[in-house]
């Protein structure tokens, strides 16, 4: 697998040969710490089959990561000393990284959870600036030839403590020869841009819209990052987790695949270069012999095939089925767009901002309704229009080779499920059905 880079327009990620890279992450924070090799392979194969491209995992894990051994009885550090890594522990990390890479998955590797690095929220920091730099250099050298994305941070603010992350980033870069991209995982409701946007080591921003309430306005956070200078890609690296109780209260109802889809499509259609899926049972690898964390409902392996996990591939397929690196967010595509939750529609198209040169546009609606799109943005006299189902990746044609009058109105299909995507193409472009799944419905 090749290394990744930021695209020429600084909005997306791509492979070294220019092919787009859609960051479709999965949250597996305890992967290195909790699973044995057979379990790790089961998890990784499942995620590869579902079309994920990046796995977010932590070397020095949150849940007793310095004092509780991994599945083979090894701690990561001797006496919690970052300059004394335990070889046997890192051999397990090596195995998981290799297997992930062989399956086509990049590891979005957090060197440490934030609680071990900065003073915030019951923290027990173990790093100085020098040991952070040394530890980063150790990891950079060890994984310089692997398909890695470095993720600093780890669910903690960095108020007044950016220096430790800067030191760790310098160590990583020195160790791997600046071979890998870097980002920063912030605390809930925050963005990396708040603390480190102008850091030279930060290649793309990451937000965490979190789990506090349903229908978070994550698109506003994406909008803020999208407008920042210098331009850097951004994505929601931790929206609501499927099967997570709303507001961290076990007595509340849980986020479903519908909430996951809303958060994912809102963030991507507002300009995100990808998105991360998460499941509450999976991030902590909850199991009978590992009662990890709180308010889990299923064991991790029972939740591998929750509907939201499988549906994320359809978002990726949709984005990859049309010109990708010329895509922009453009809410002016929507005529009379409602903005109140959970009624928010989001639109994206290709072309240049302010110019009517698009070859396609897409509108996501979370609810049944009539959608009216401003098709004058498309530089074509005739149009094809499709409804795309984000639940199963199927499409059916709403209109074929019709005149582009400047607006197109369409009612969402009368079919179970609230949310839909209206896709409108210039007829002369010859685009296939959206999603490229090879399935098209005649009727619903």
Protein backbone atom coordinates (compact mmCIF):
# COMPACT_ATOMS: atom_id res chain seq x y z
CA UNK A 1 0.00 0.00 0.00
CA UNK A 2 1.30 3.45 -0.88
CA UNK A 3 1.55 6.49 1.33
CA UNK A 4 -1.16 9.13 1.31
CA UNK A 5 -0.93 12.87 0.69
CA UNK A 6 -3.16 15.94 0.66
CA UNK A 7 -4.68 16.74 -2.73
CA UNK A 8 -3.52 19.72 -4.77
CA UNK A 9 -6.54 21.83 -3.80
CA UNK A 10 -5.92 21.00 -0.10
CA UNK A 11 -9.48 19.69 0.35
CA UNK A 12 -9.06 15.93 0.09
CA UNK A 13 -6.70 13.03 0.71
CA UNK A 14 -5.26 10.99 -2.12
CA UNK A 15 -2.83 8.25 -3.05
CA UNK A 16 0.60 9.06 -4.44
CA UNK A 17 -0.66 8.49 -7.99
CA UNK A 18 -3.50 10.96 -7.52
CA UNK A 19 -6.30 8.49 -6.93
CA UNK A 20 -8.81 9.79 -4.37
CA UNK A 21 -8.71 8.34 -0.87
CA UNK A 22 -12.06 8.49 0.90
CA UNK A 23 -11.33 8.30 4.62
CA UNK A 24 -13.92 5.83 5.89
CA UNK A 25 -12.76 5.18 9.42
CA UNK A 26 -13.88 2.78 12.11
CA UNK A 27 -13.36 3.40 15.81
CA UNK A 28 -11.42 0.55 17.41
CA UNK A 29 -9.60 2.35 20.19
CA UNK A 30 -8.80 -0.83 22.20
CA UNK A 31 -7.81 -2.98 19.23
CA UNK A 32 -4.11 -3.32 20.12
CA UNK A 33 -4.72 -3.59 23.84
CA UNK A 34 -7.69 -5.96 24.10
CA UNK A 35 -7.81 -8.48 21.24
CA UNK A 36 -5.75 -11.56 20.57
CA UNK A 37 -4.60 -12.33 17.04
CA UNK A 38 -7.56 -14.46 16.04
CA UNK A 39 -9.99 -11.83 17.32
CA UNK A 40 -8.10 -9.04 15.60
CA UNK A 41 -8.24 -10.90 12.27
CA UNK A 42 -11.98 -11.47 12.66
CA UNK A 43 -12.49 -7.77 13.26
CA UNK A 44 -10.19 -6.57 10.46
CA UNK A 45 -11.62 -8.92 7.84
CA UNK A 46 -15.12 -7.80 8.70
CA UNK A 47 -14.18 -4.14 8.31
CA UNK A 48 -12.33 -4.71 5.05
CA UNK A 49 -15.35 -6.53 3.63
CA UNK A 50 -17.54 -3.57 4.59
CA UNK A 51 -15.44 -1.11 2.64
CA UNK A 52 -13.71 0.72 5.46
CA UNK A 53 -10.39 2.32 4.58
CA UNK A 54 -8.95 3.36 7.98
CA UNK A 55 -8.98 1.85 11.46
CA UNK A 56 -8.55 4.22 14.44
CA UNK A 57 -6.66 2.45 17.23
CA UNK A 58 -4.57 3.55 20.22
CA UNK A 59 -1.15 2.19 21.22
CA UNK A 60 -1.31 3.38 24.84
CA UNK A 61 -5.00 2.72 25.34
CA UNK A 62 -7.49 4.59 27.49
CA UNK A 63 -8.87 1.75 29.61
CA UNK A 64 -6.04 0.89 31.99
CA UNK A 65 -3.73 0.88 29.02
CA UNK A 66 -0.58 1.28 31.10
CA UNK A 67 -1.43 -1.15 33.89
CA UNK A 68 -3.57 -3.88 32.33
CA UNK A 69 -1.70 -6.30 30.03
CA UNK A 70 -2.76 -7.08 26.49
CA UNK A 71 -4.26 -10.42 25.49
CA UNK A 72 -0.82 -12.08 25.82
CA UNK A 73 0.05 -10.66 29.21
CA UNK A 74 2.31 -7.80 28.06
CA UNK A 75 2.27 -4.16 29.11
CA UNK A 76 3.35 -1.52 26.56
CA UNK A 77 5.98 0.18 28.70
CA UNK A 78 8.33 -0.74 31.51
CA UNK A 79 7.37 1.21 34.64
CA UNK A 80 5.23 3.55 32.52
CA UNK A 81 8.37 4.93 30.93
CA UNK A 82 7.81 6.05 27.30
CA UNK A 83 11.49 5.51 26.55
CA UNK A 84 11.27 1.82 27.56
CA UNK A 85 8.77 0.14 25.20
CA UNK A 86 8.15 -3.57 25.75
CA UNK A 87 9.08 -5.46 22.60
CA UNK A 88 6.53 -8.24 23.08
CA UNK A 89 3.66 -5.75 23.30
CA UNK A 90 4.76 -4.02 20.12
CA UNK A 91 5.10 -7.31 18.28
CA UNK A 92 1.34 -7.65 18.74
CA UNK A 93 0.87 -4.12 17.38
CA UNK A 94 3.15 -5.05 14.46
CA UNK A 95 1.01 -8.09 13.66
CA UNK A 96 -2.24 -6.12 13.62
CA UNK A 97 -0.76 -3.33 11.49
CA UNK A 98 0.61 -5.85 8.95
CA UNK A 99 -2.67 -7.74 8.74
CA UNK A 100 -4.65 -4.53 8.33
CA UNK A 101 -2.35 -3.35 5.54
CA UNK A 102 -2.60 -6.67 3.76
CA UNK A 103 -6.39 -6.27 3.80
CA UNK A 104 -6.13 -2.80 2.27
CA UNK A 105 -6.74 -0.94 5.53
CA UNK A 106 -4.71 2.00 6.77
CA UNK A 107 -4.15 2.19 10.51
CA UNK A 108 -5.00 5.63 11.91
CA UNK A 109 -2.68 5.16 14.86
CA UNK A 110 -2.92 7.19 18.05
CA UNK A 111 0.44 6.92 19.81
CA UNK A 112 -1.31 7.51 23.12
CA UNK A 113 -4.68 8.41 24.56
CA UNK A 114 -4.77 12.03 25.62
CA UNK A 115 -5.06 11.24 29.31
CA UNK A 116 -1.48 9.90 29.32
CA UNK A 117 -0.11 13.06 27.70
CA UNK A 118 -1.86 16.18 29.01
CA UNK A 119 -3.40 17.41 32.26
CA UNK A 120 -7.14 17.22 31.63
CA UNK A 121 -10.06 15.12 32.87
CA UNK A 122 -8.62 12.61 35.34
CA UNK A 123 -5.34 12.61 33.47
CA UNK A 124 -2.18 10.84 34.56
CA UNK A 125 0.42 12.24 32.13
CA UNK A 126 3.64 10.31 31.75
CA UNK A 127 5.37 12.41 29.06
CA UNK A 128 7.85 15.23 29.16
CA UNK A 129 8.69 17.09 25.98
CA UNK A 130 11.82 15.01 25.54
CA UNK A 131 10.20 11.63 26.21
CA UNK A 132 7.30 12.57 23.90
CA UNK A 133 9.83 13.25 21.16
CA UNK A 134 11.72 10.01 21.83
CA UNK A 135 8.54 7.93 21.92
CA UNK A 136 7.37 9.51 18.66
CA UNK A 137 10.70 8.75 17.02
CA UNK A 138 10.49 5.13 18.17
CA UNK A 139 7.05 4.73 16.59
CA UNK A 140 8.03 6.61 13.45
CA UNK A 141 11.03 4.36 12.83
CA UNK A 142 9.11 1.19 13.63
CA UNK A 143 6.20 1.89 11.27
CA UNK A 144 7.88 4.02 8.61
CA UNK A 145 7.18 1.43 5.90
CA UNK A 146 3.59 0.66 6.93
CA UNK A 147 0.33 2.23 5.73
CA UNK A 148 -0.20 4.54 8.70
CA UNK A 149 -1.96 7.81 9.45
CA UNK A 150 -0.73 9.41 12.67
CA UNK A 151 -3.45 10.72 14.98
CA UNK A 152 -2.26 12.79 17.91
CA UNK A 153 -4.57 13.98 20.67
CA UNK A 154 -6.98 11.40 21.97
CA UNK A 155 -10.24 12.88 23.28
CA UNK A 156 -8.65 15.62 25.37
CA UNK A 157 -8.31 19.40 24.99
CA UNK A 158 -4.88 20.85 24.46
CA UNK A 159 -5.27 24.19 26.19
CA UNK A 160 -1.78 25.41 27.03
CA UNK A 161 -0.25 22.00 26.24
CA UNK A 162 0.28 21.97 22.50
CA UNK A 163 4.02 21.63 23.11
CA UNK A 164 3.86 17.96 24.08
CA UNK A 165 1.98 17.13 20.87
CA UNK A 166 4.40 19.21 18.86
CA UNK A 167 7.30 17.31 20.39
CA UNK A 168 5.66 13.96 19.64
CA UNK A 169 4.92 15.05 16.07
CA UNK A 170 8.55 16.09 15.62
CA UNK A 171 9.64 12.68 16.83
CA UNK A 172 7.25 10.88 14.47
CA UNK A 173 8.47 12.94 11.52
CA UNK A 174 12.10 12.34 12.41
CA UNK A 175 11.47 8.62 12.73
CA UNK A 176 9.50 8.04 9.53
CA UNK A 177 11.06 10.74 7.37
CA UNK A 178 7.74 12.62 7.15
CA UNK A 179 6.27 9.71 5.25
CA UNK A 180 2.80 9.75 6.80
CA UNK A 181 -0.05 12.19 7.21
CA UNK A 182 -0.88 13.57 10.66
CA UNK A 183 -4.08 14.78 12.29
CA UNK A 184 -5.39 15.37 15.82
CA UNK A 185 -8.36 13.71 17.57
CA UNK A 186 -10.04 16.36 19.78
CA UNK A 187 -12.40 16.17 22.72
CA UNK A 188 -16.16 15.99 22.23
CA UNK A 189 -17.70 19.05 20.63
CA UNK A 190 -14.29 20.28 19.49
CA UNK A 191 -12.09 20.42 16.43
CA UNK A 192 -8.35 20.02 16.07
CA UNK A 193 -8.42 23.45 14.43
CA UNK A 194 -9.07 25.07 17.81
CA UNK A 195 -5.61 24.15 19.05
CA UNK A 196 -3.35 23.06 16.22
CA UNK A 197 -4.68 24.29 12.86
CA UNK A 198 -1.57 26.38 12.24
CA UNK A 199 0.88 23.72 13.36
CA UNK A 200 3.10 22.74 10.43
CA UNK A 201 2.75 19.05 11.26
CA UNK A 202 -1.09 19.03 10.99
CA UNK A 203 -2.08 17.81 7.52
CA UNK A 204 -5.85 17.66 8.02
CA UNK A 205 -8.36 18.59 10.69
CA UNK A 206 -10.62 16.27 12.64
CA UNK A 207 -13.73 17.12 14.63
CA UNK A 208 -15.59 15.10 17.25
CA UNK A 209 -19.31 15.91 17.16
CA UNK A 210 -19.85 13.26 19.82
CA UNK A 211 -22.64 11.50 21.64
CA UNK A 212 -24.33 14.06 23.85
CA UNK A 213 -27.59 14.45 21.96
CA UNK A 214 -29.26 13.26 18.76
CA UNK A 215 -28.83 15.19 15.53
CA UNK A 216 -25.72 17.16 16.42
CA UNK A 217 -25.08 20.10 14.10
CA UNK A 218 -21.76 18.69 13.00
CA UNK A 219 -22.03 20.41 9.64
CA UNK A 220 -21.47 23.77 11.34
CA UNK A 221 -18.16 22.53 12.70
CA UNK A 222 -17.22 21.23 9.25
CA UNK A 223 -18.23 24.60 7.73
CA UNK A 224 -15.97 26.41 10.21
CA UNK A 225 -12.98 24.24 9.37
CA UNK A 226 -13.70 24.41 5.63
CA UNK A 227 -13.50 28.22 5.76
CA UNK A 228 -10.19 28.37 7.65
CA UNK A 229 -6.89 29.54 6.23
CA UNK A 230 -4.60 27.94 5.37
CA UNK A 231 -6.92 25.46 3.69
CA UNK A 232 -6.74 21.94 5.11
CA UNK A 233 -9.02 18.90 4.67
CA UNK A 234 -11.41 18.14 7.51
CA UNK A 235 -13.67 15.28 8.61
CA UNK A 236 -15.82 14.16 11.54
CA UNK A 237 -13.61 11.62 13.28
CA UNK A 238 -16.13 10.75 15.97
CA UNK A 239 -19.83 11.34 15.32
CA UNK A 240 -22.47 9.51 17.35
CA UNK A 241 -21.72 5.82 17.88
CA UNK A 242 -24.28 3.23 16.89
CA UNK A 243 -25.73 1.54 20.00
CA UNK A 244 -24.45 4.32 22.28
CA UNK A 245 -26.98 5.65 24.82
CA UNK A 246 -27.83 9.28 24.14
CA UNK A 247 -26.08 11.60 26.55
CA UNK A 248 -24.09 8.73 28.11
CA UNK A 249 -27.19 7.72 30.10
CA UNK A 250 -27.98 4.01 29.96
CA UNK A 251 -31.65 4.77 30.63
CA UNK A 252 -31.91 6.77 27.40
CA UNK A 253 -32.60 5.31 23.99
CA UNK A 254 -29.62 4.50 21.81
CA UNK A 255 -28.29 5.97 18.60
CA UNK A 256 -29.34 3.91 15.59
CA UNK A 257 -28.09 3.49 12.05
CA UNK A 258 -30.39 6.38 11.06
CA UNK A 259 -28.60 8.81 13.39
CA UNK A 260 -25.24 7.53 12.13
CA UNK A 261 -26.29 8.12 8.51
CA UNK A 262 -27.55 11.64 9.21
CA UNK A 263 -24.27 12.64 10.87
CA UNK A 264 -22.19 11.04 8.13
CA UNK A 265 -24.00 12.52 5.14
CA UNK A 266 -24.27 15.96 6.73
CA UNK A 267 -20.54 16.12 7.39
CA UNK A 268 -19.44 14.78 4.00
CA UNK A 269 -21.91 16.88 2.00
CA UNK A 270 -20.67 19.98 3.83
CA UNK A 271 -17.13 19.33 2.66
CA UNK A 272 -15.67 16.52 4.78
CA UNK A 273 -12.99 14.42 3.09
CA UNK A 274 -14.48 11.34 4.75
CA UNK A 275 -16.07 10.30 8.03
CA UNK A 276 -15.60 7.82 10.86
CA UNK A 277 -18.12 5.24 11.99
CA UNK A 278 -18.20 3.99 15.55
CA UNK A 279 -20.03 1.44 17.67
CA UNK A 280 -20.05 1.74 21.44
CA UNK A 281 -19.57 -2.00 22.00
CA UNK A 282 -16.70 -2.22 19.53
CA UNK A 283 -14.46 0.69 20.45
CA UNK A 284 -13.89 -0.82 23.91
CA UNK A 285 -13.95 -4.43 22.61
CA UNK A 286 -16.48 -5.41 25.28
CA UNK A 287 -16.42 -9.18 25.91
CA UNK A 288 -17.39 -11.70 28.63
CA UNK A 289 -13.88 -11.73 30.03
CA UNK A 290 -13.41 -7.99 29.53
CA UNK A 291 -16.04 -5.87 31.22
CA UNK A 292 -14.61 -2.70 29.78
CA UNK A 293 -16.01 0.74 30.36
CA UNK A 294 -19.67 1.38 31.09
CA UNK A 295 -23.14 0.96 29.64
CA UNK A 296 -22.25 -1.50 26.89
CA UNK A 297 -25.12 -3.59 25.62
CA UNK A 298 -23.57 -6.27 23.39
CA UNK A 299 -20.23 -7.99 23.09
CA UNK A 300 -18.04 -6.51 20.37
CA UNK A 301 -18.33 -9.49 18.03
CA UNK A 302 -22.13 -9.44 18.30
CA UNK A 303 -22.13 -5.85 17.03
CA UNK A 304 -19.86 -6.28 14.02
CA UNK A 305 -22.81 -6.45 11.65
CA UNK A 306 -25.06 -3.74 13.02
CA UNK A 307 -26.81 -2.05 10.07
CA UNK A 308 -24.95 1.25 10.34
CA UNK A 309 -21.57 -0.44 9.90
CA UNK A 310 -22.64 -2.03 6.64
CA UNK A 311 -24.29 1.13 5.33
CA UNK A 312 -21.15 3.24 5.48
CA UNK A 313 -19.85 1.59 2.31
CA UNK A 314 -22.78 3.07 0.39
CA UNK A 315 -21.72 6.59 1.28
CA UNK A 316 -18.22 5.85 0.06
CA UNK A 317 -19.51 4.25 -3.15
CA UNK A 318 -21.75 7.23 -3.80
CA UNK A 319 -18.91 9.71 -3.42
CA UNK A 320 -16.57 7.64 -5.58
CA UNK A 321 -19.15 7.18 -8.35
CA UNK A 322 -18.84 10.82 -9.46
CA UNK A 323 -15.84 13.16 -10.01
CA UNK A 324 -14.37 13.37 -6.55
CA UNK A 325 -11.60 15.92 -6.16
CA UNK A 326 -13.58 18.69 -7.84
CA UNK A 327 -16.44 18.29 -5.34
CA UNK A 328 -17.50 21.27 -3.25
CA UNK A 329 -20.22 21.86 -0.64
CA UNK A 330 -22.90 24.18 -2.00
CA UNK A 331 -26.08 24.67 -0.02
CA UNK A 332 -27.42 27.12 -2.62
CA UNK A 333 -28.30 24.02 -4.62
CA UNK A 334 -31.25 23.53 -2.25
CA UNK A 335 -34.32 25.68 -2.89
CA UNK A 336 -35.96 26.62 0.41
CA UNK A 337 -33.62 24.51 2.51
CA UNK A 338 -34.88 23.90 6.06
CA UNK A 339 -32.11 24.17 8.62
CA UNK A 340 -33.77 23.10 11.87
CA UNK A 341 -32.95 19.70 13.34
CA UNK A 342 -33.61 16.99 12.40
CA UNK A 343 -34.80 18.54 9.15
CA UNK A 344 -31.46 19.71 7.77
CA UNK A 345 -30.79 19.00 4.12
CA UNK A 346 -27.25 19.14 2.73
CA UNK A 347 -25.97 19.51 -0.83
CA UNK A 348 -22.75 18.97 -2.71
CA UNK A 349 -21.72 19.24 -6.35
CA UNK A 350 -18.63 19.42 -8.50
CA UNK A 351 -17.21 22.49 -10.19
CA UNK A 352 -15.98 25.84 -8.97
CA UNK A 353 -17.52 27.93 -6.22
CA UNK A 354 -19.87 30.50 -7.71
CA UNK A 355 -19.63 29.10 -11.23
CA UNK A 356 -22.33 27.16 -13.02
CA UNK A 357 -20.02 24.47 -14.35
CA UNK A 358 -21.14 21.38 -12.44
CA UNK A 359 -21.65 17.97 -14.03
CA UNK A 360 -23.64 16.63 -11.07
CA UNK A 361 -25.24 17.63 -7.79
CA UNK A 362 -26.48 15.69 -4.76
CA UNK A 363 -28.97 16.59 -2.04
CA UNK A 364 -29.32 14.58 1.17
CA UNK A 365 -32.62 14.77 3.00
CA UNK A 366 -33.13 13.11 6.39
CA UNK A 367 -36.93 13.12 6.07
CA UNK A 368 -39.64 12.34 3.49
CA UNK A 369 -40.43 15.48 1.53
CA UNK A 370 -40.37 17.20 -1.81
CA UNK A 371 -36.82 18.21 -2.72
CA UNK A 372 -36.29 21.08 -5.12
CA UNK A 373 -32.79 21.45 -6.54
CA UNK A 374 -31.34 24.47 -8.35
CA UNK A 375 -30.11 22.64 -11.44
CA UNK A 376 -28.89 25.82 -13.15
CA UNK A 377 -25.54 25.00 -11.49
CA UNK A 378 -25.22 22.09 -13.96
CA UNK A 379 -23.72 23.09 -17.33
CA UNK A 380 -25.92 20.81 -19.39
CA UNK A 381 -29.12 21.37 -21.32
CA UNK A 382 -30.52 18.00 -20.31
CA UNK A 383 -30.51 16.03 -17.07
CA UNK A 384 -30.75 12.58 -15.56
CA UNK A 385 -32.02 12.30 -11.98
CA UNK A 386 -31.83 9.44 -9.50
CA UNK A 387 -32.95 8.57 -6.00
CA UNK A 388 -30.22 6.83 -4.02
CA UNK A 389 -31.06 4.72 -0.97
CA UNK A 390 -28.39 5.12 1.75
CA UNK A 391 -29.66 1.99 3.51
CA UNK A 392 -28.81 -0.49 0.75
CA UNK A 393 -26.92 1.41 -1.94
CA UNK A 394 -29.60 0.91 -4.59
CA UNK A 395 -30.72 3.60 -7.00
CA UNK A 396 -33.65 4.09 -9.30
CA UNK A 397 -34.12 6.62 -12.05
CA UNK A 398 -36.45 9.50 -11.31
CA UNK A 399 -36.05 11.27 -14.64
CA UNK A 400 -34.14 10.44 -17.81
CA UNK A 401 -32.89 12.94 -20.38
CA UNK A 402 -35.19 15.77 -19.33
CA UNK A 403 -34.73 19.46 -20.12
CA UNK A 404 -32.71 21.47 -17.63
CA UNK A 405 -35.15 24.27 -16.83
CA UNK A 406 -33.05 25.51 -13.91
CA UNK A 407 -34.94 23.69 -11.19
CA UNK A 408 -35.97 20.11 -10.58
CA UNK A 409 -38.52 19.04 -7.94
CA UNK A 410 -38.89 15.45 -6.82
CA UNK A 411 -40.76 13.71 -4.01
CA UNK A 412 -38.86 11.18 -1.91
CA UNK A 413 -39.90 7.62 -2.66
CA UNK A 414 -42.79 6.07 -0.81
CA UNK A 415 -40.66 3.41 0.80
CA UNK A 416 -39.67 2.48 4.37
CA UNK A 417 -36.90 4.66 5.70
CA UNK A 418 -36.71 8.38 6.09
CA UNK A 419 -33.53 9.56 4.40
CA UNK A 420 -32.68 9.71 0.70
CA UNK A 421 -30.18 11.28 -1.69
CA UNK A 422 -31.31 13.04 -4.84
CA UNK A 423 -28.59 12.79 -7.50
CA UNK A 424 -28.89 14.94 -10.63
CA UNK A 425 -26.43 14.52 -13.51
CA UNK A 426 -25.80 16.29 -16.75
CA UNK A 427 -27.22 13.83 -19.27
CA UNK A 428 -24.27 14.20 -21.63
CA UNK A 429 -21.83 13.01 -18.95
CA UNK A 430 -22.99 9.40 -19.18
CA UNK A 431 -22.56 8.70 -15.49
CA UNK A 432 -23.67 5.25 -14.26
CA UNK A 433 -26.31 4.83 -11.55
CA UNK A 434 -25.01 6.46 -8.37
CA UNK A 435 -23.10 4.22 -6.04
CA UNK A 436 -21.86 1.87 -8.79
CA UNK A 437 -23.36 -1.03 -6.87
CA UNK A 438 -24.70 -2.65 -10.03
CA UNK A 439 -28.23 -2.62 -8.68
CA UNK A 440 -31.02 -0.39 -9.86
CA UNK A 441 -34.66 -0.49 -8.89
CA UNK A 442 -37.39 -0.12 -11.48
CA UNK A 443 -39.99 0.76 -8.84
CA UNK A 444 -40.20 1.20 -5.12
